[in-house]
Amino acid sequence: MLTIRYICHARSRRGSEEEIWEKILNRFAENEDIDFAYPTTRFYDNLTEGKQPNK
């Protein structure tokens, strides 16, 4: 997770937030060796997968 904090005028928060995030994402996009990941969960079901049941 990436979190940033910064100070700005209340009326310009949305615009400045969008501009900052776009610049950050564009910098990440310049690097081919950086990939984004997302939280995943895998459930193992040995019977459905054709494996021996757990003991």
C-alpha atoms as a PDB file:
ATOM      1  CA  MET A   1       0.000   0.000   0.000  1.00  0.00           C
ATOM      2  CA  LEU A   2       1.234   3.435  -0.872  1.00  0.00           C
ATOM      3  CA  THR A   3       0.023   6.376   1.196  1.00  0.00           C
ATOM      4  CA  ILE A   4       0.994  10.010   0.888  1.00  0.00           C
ATOM      5  CA  ARG A   5       0.282  13.046   3.033  1.00  0.00           C
ATOM      6  CA  TYR A   6       0.689  16.612   1.940  1.00  0.00           C
ATOM      7  CA  ILE A   7      -0.562  20.076   2.812  1.00  0.00           C
ATOM      8  CA  CYS A   8      -2.665  22.112   0.392  1.00  0.00           C
ATOM      9  CA  HIS A   9      -5.556  24.546   0.342  1.00  0.00           C
ATOM     10  CA  ALA A  10      -8.883  22.789   0.931  1.00  0.00           C
ATOM     11  CA  ARG A  11     -10.378  24.061  -2.321  1.00  0.00           C
ATOM     12  CA  SER A  12      -7.561  22.603  -4.393  1.00  0.00           C
ATOM     13  CA  ARG A  13      -7.364  19.192  -2.719  1.00  0.00           C
ATOM     14  CA  ARG A  14      -9.063  17.120  -5.436  1.00  0.00           C
ATOM     15  CA  GLY A  15      -7.093  18.631  -8.276  1.00  0.00           C
ATOM     16  CA  SER A  16      -3.769  18.439  -6.499  1.00  0.00           C
ATOM     17  CA  GLU A  17      -4.415  14.871  -5.344  1.00  0.00           C
ATOM     18  CA  GLU A  18      -5.191  13.736  -8.882  1.00  0.00           C
ATOM     19  CA  GLU A  19      -2.129  15.503 -10.276  1.00  0.00           C
ATOM     20  CA  ILE A  20       0.171  13.934  -7.682  1.00  0.00           C
ATOM     21  CA  TRP A  21      -1.159  10.398  -8.229  1.00  0.00           C
ATOM     22  CA  GLU A  22      -0.949  10.734 -12.013  1.00  0.00           C
ATOM     23  CA  LYS A  23       2.673  11.858 -11.758  1.00  0.00           C
ATOM     24  CA  ILE A  24       3.501   8.962  -9.427  1.00  0.00           C
ATOM     25  CA  LEU A  25       1.825   6.408 -11.696  1.00  0.00           C
ATOM     26  CA  ASN A  26       3.531   7.849 -14.772  1.00  0.00           C
ATOM     27  CA  ARG A  27       6.921   7.497 -13.080  1.00  0.00           C
ATOM     28  CA  PHE A  28       6.146   3.866 -12.225  1.00  0.00           C
ATOM     29  CA  ALA A  29       5.096   3.280 -15.855  1.00  0.00           C
ATOM     30  CA  GLU A  30       8.547   4.414 -17.029  1.00  0.00           C
ATOM     31  CA  ASN A  31      10.085   1.347 -15.352  1.00  0.00           C
ATOM     32  CA  GLU A  32       9.412  -1.958 -17.099  1.00  0.00           C
ATOM     33  CA  ASP A  33      10.716  -3.934 -14.119  1.00  0.00           C
ATOM     34  CA  ILE A  34       7.978  -2.683 -11.750  1.00  0.00           C
ATOM     35  CA  ASP A  35       4.642  -4.510 -11.606  1.00  0.00           C
ATOM     36  CA  PHE A  36       1.647  -3.775  -9.444  1.00  0.00           C
ATOM     37  CA  ALA A  37       0.196  -6.536  -7.316  1.00  0.00           C
ATOM     38  CA  TYR A  38      -3.153  -6.813  -5.649  1.00  0.00           C
ATOM     39  CA  PRO A  39      -4.300  -8.849  -2.637  1.00  0.00           C
ATOM     40  CA  THR A  40      -5.255 -12.388  -3.599  1.00  0.00           C
ATOM     41  CA  THR A  41      -6.592 -15.384  -1.758  1.00  0.00           C
ATOM     42  CA  ARG A  42      -6.513 -18.953  -3.001  1.00  0.00           C
ATOM     43  CA  PHE A  43      -8.497 -21.763  -1.486  1.00  0.00           C
ATOM     44  CA  TYR A  44      -7.097 -25.255  -1.946  1.00  0.00           C
ATOM     45  CA  ASP A  45      -9.582 -28.068  -2.462  1.00  0.00           C
ATOM     46  CA  ASN A  46      -7.583 -31.253  -2.895  1.00  0.00           C
ATOM     47  CA  LEU A  47     -10.586 -33.371  -3.876  1.00  0.00           C
ATOM     48  CA  THR A  48     -11.638 -30.995  -6.668  1.00  0.00           C
ATOM     49  CA  GLU A  49      -8.042 -30.668  -7.860  1.00  0.00           C
ATOM     50  CA  GLY A  50      -7.671 -34.458  -8.012  1.00  0.00           C
ATOM     51  CA  LYS A  51      -5.185 -34.722  -5.152  1.00  0.00           C
ATOM     52  CA  GLN A  52      -5.090 -36.878  -2.056  1.00  0.00           C
ATOM     53  CA  PRO A  53      -7.162 -35.476   0.838  1.00  0.00           C
ATOM     54  CA  ASN A  54      -5.209 -33.916   3.713  1.00  0.00           C
ATOM     55  CA  LYS A  55      -4.592 -36.137   6.708  1.00  0.00           C
END
